[in-house]
Amino acid sequence: MQHGTVVVVSGETLGRGDDGLGAKLLGNFLRTLATVEPKPEAIVFYNAAVRLLGRGTPHEEALRQLEDGGVELLACVTCLEFYGLTAQLALGQVSNMREIVQRLLAATKTITV
């Protein structure tokens, strides 16, 4: 069964080059994503991107707006454990690689940023 779009975020920046610029670009991307239609069905966060779902994230407002708008925010449990953030998850839900793979395979479209 096909589902909607899934966005994959694997880091704390968008693109390669200057990390400060990349963090600003990612923030712009998330804020814009929260204001457009159609919204993705889910956003998968893995590797360093799971830090974006913790307390005090600079993108909390945009991510909360996405979550409140029905977008599932899925955090890789292996990544949370690696960074010691499992108990500090402020947004989204803990997911595992099986669920992430199933969501990606069932998606109509995937976008990796």
Protein backbone atom coordinates (compact mmCIF):
# COMPACT_ATOMS: atom_id res chain seq x y z
CA MET A 1 0.00 0.00 0.00
CA GLN A 2 1.45 3.34 -1.09
CA HIS A 3 1.57 6.29 1.30
CA GLY A 4 2.52 9.95 0.91
CA THR A 5 5.86 11.68 0.84
CA VAL A 6 8.59 10.91 3.38
CA VAL A 7 11.39 13.40 3.98
CA VAL A 8 14.72 12.07 5.28
CA VAL A 9 16.97 14.33 7.35
CA SER A 10 20.40 12.92 8.17
CA GLY A 11 22.22 15.87 9.66
CA GLU A 12 21.94 19.21 11.41
CA THR A 13 22.69 21.14 8.23
CA LEU A 14 21.37 21.34 4.69
CA GLY A 15 23.98 20.88 2.01
CA ARG A 16 27.74 20.83 2.25
CA GLY A 17 30.09 23.69 2.89
CA ASP A 18 29.75 26.15 5.74
CA ASP A 19 27.96 24.55 8.73
CA GLY A 20 26.54 27.87 9.91
CA LEU A 21 24.97 28.48 6.52
CA GLY A 22 23.82 24.84 6.36
CA ALA A 23 22.07 25.12 9.75
CA LYS A 24 20.35 28.32 8.62
CA LEU A 25 19.25 26.65 5.36
CA LEU A 26 17.85 23.65 7.23
CA GLY A 27 15.91 25.98 9.52
CA ASN A 28 14.51 27.81 6.49
CA PHE A 29 13.59 24.48 4.89
CA LEU A 30 11.73 23.25 7.99
CA ARG A 31 9.91 26.55 8.54
CA THR A 32 8.85 26.64 4.90
CA LEU A 33 7.81 22.98 4.96
CA ALA A 34 5.56 23.76 7.92
CA THR A 35 3.70 26.42 5.91
CA VAL A 36 3.10 24.70 2.57
CA GLU A 37 0.67 22.08 1.32
CA PRO A 38 0.75 19.23 0.85
CA LYS A 39 2.82 18.35 3.88
CA PRO A 40 4.84 15.16 3.96
CA GLU A 41 3.38 12.17 5.75
CA ALA A 42 6.53 11.75 7.82
CA ILE A 43 10.02 13.07 8.40
CA VAL A 44 12.68 10.53 9.32
CA PHE A 45 15.61 11.76 11.41
CA TYR A 46 18.75 9.67 11.64
CA ASN A 47 22.41 10.11 12.50
CA ALA A 48 23.11 13.62 13.89
CA ALA A 49 19.65 14.83 12.78
CA VAL A 50 18.10 13.20 15.87
CA ARG A 51 19.60 16.10 17.84
CA LEU A 52 17.00 18.32 16.18
CA LEU A 53 14.25 16.55 18.13
CA GLY A 54 15.79 17.15 21.56
CA ARG A 55 15.04 19.84 24.09
CA GLY A 56 16.08 23.34 23.10
CA THR A 57 16.46 22.64 19.39
CA PRO A 58 16.70 25.83 17.35
CA HIS A 59 14.03 24.45 15.02
CA GLU A 60 11.54 23.46 17.72
CA GLU A 61 8.79 25.83 16.60
CA ALA A 62 8.80 24.64 12.98
CA LEU A 63 9.04 20.98 13.99
CA ARG A 64 6.21 21.34 16.51
CA GLN A 65 4.10 23.05 13.84
CA LEU A 66 4.77 20.13 11.48
CA GLU A 67 3.94 17.60 14.18
CA ASP A 68 0.76 19.48 15.13
CA GLY A 69 -0.15 19.48 11.44
CA GLY A 70 -0.13 15.68 11.35
CA VAL A 71 3.42 15.06 10.12
CA GLU A 72 5.02 12.12 11.93
CA LEU A 73 8.53 12.88 13.18
CA LEU A 74 10.42 9.58 13.44
CA ALA A 75 13.72 9.40 15.35
CA CYS A 76 16.09 6.49 14.81
CA VAL A 77 16.48 4.69 18.15
CA THR A 78 20.02 3.52 17.36
CA CYS A 79 21.04 7.11 16.71
CA LEU A 80 19.34 8.39 19.87
CA GLU A 81 21.18 5.76 21.89
CA PHE A 82 24.50 6.58 20.20
CA TYR A 83 24.18 10.27 21.06
CA GLY A 84 22.74 9.56 24.52
CA LEU A 85 19.51 11.37 23.69
CA THR A 86 16.85 8.71 24.21
CA ALA A 87 15.49 10.31 27.39
CA GLN A 88 15.77 13.82 25.97
CA LEU A 89 13.44 13.44 23.00
CA ALA A 90 11.13 16.48 23.09
CA LEU A 91 9.46 16.04 19.70
CA GLY A 92 8.46 13.11 17.56
CA GLN A 93 8.56 9.46 18.38
CA VAL A 94 11.22 6.80 18.70
CA SER A 95 11.40 4.53 15.68
CA ASN A 96 13.57 1.65 14.54
CA MET A 97 15.21 0.76 11.26
CA ARG A 98 12.51 -1.76 10.36
CA GLU A 99 9.79 0.89 10.59
CA ILE A 100 11.95 3.45 8.79
CA VAL A 101 12.67 1.05 5.91
CA GLN A 102 9.01 0.06 5.66
CA ARG A 103 7.94 3.71 5.58
CA LEU A 104 10.48 4.53 2.87
CA LEU A 105 9.48 1.55 0.74
CA ALA A 106 5.79 2.37 1.05
CA ALA A 107 6.23 6.07 0.28
CA THR A 108 4.97 7.49 -2.97
CA LYS A 109 8.00 9.79 -2.91
CA THR A 110 11.07 10.23 -0.71
CA ILE A 111 13.07 13.43 -0.38
CA THR A 112 16.48 13.41 1.26
CA VAL A 113 17.89 16.69 2.56
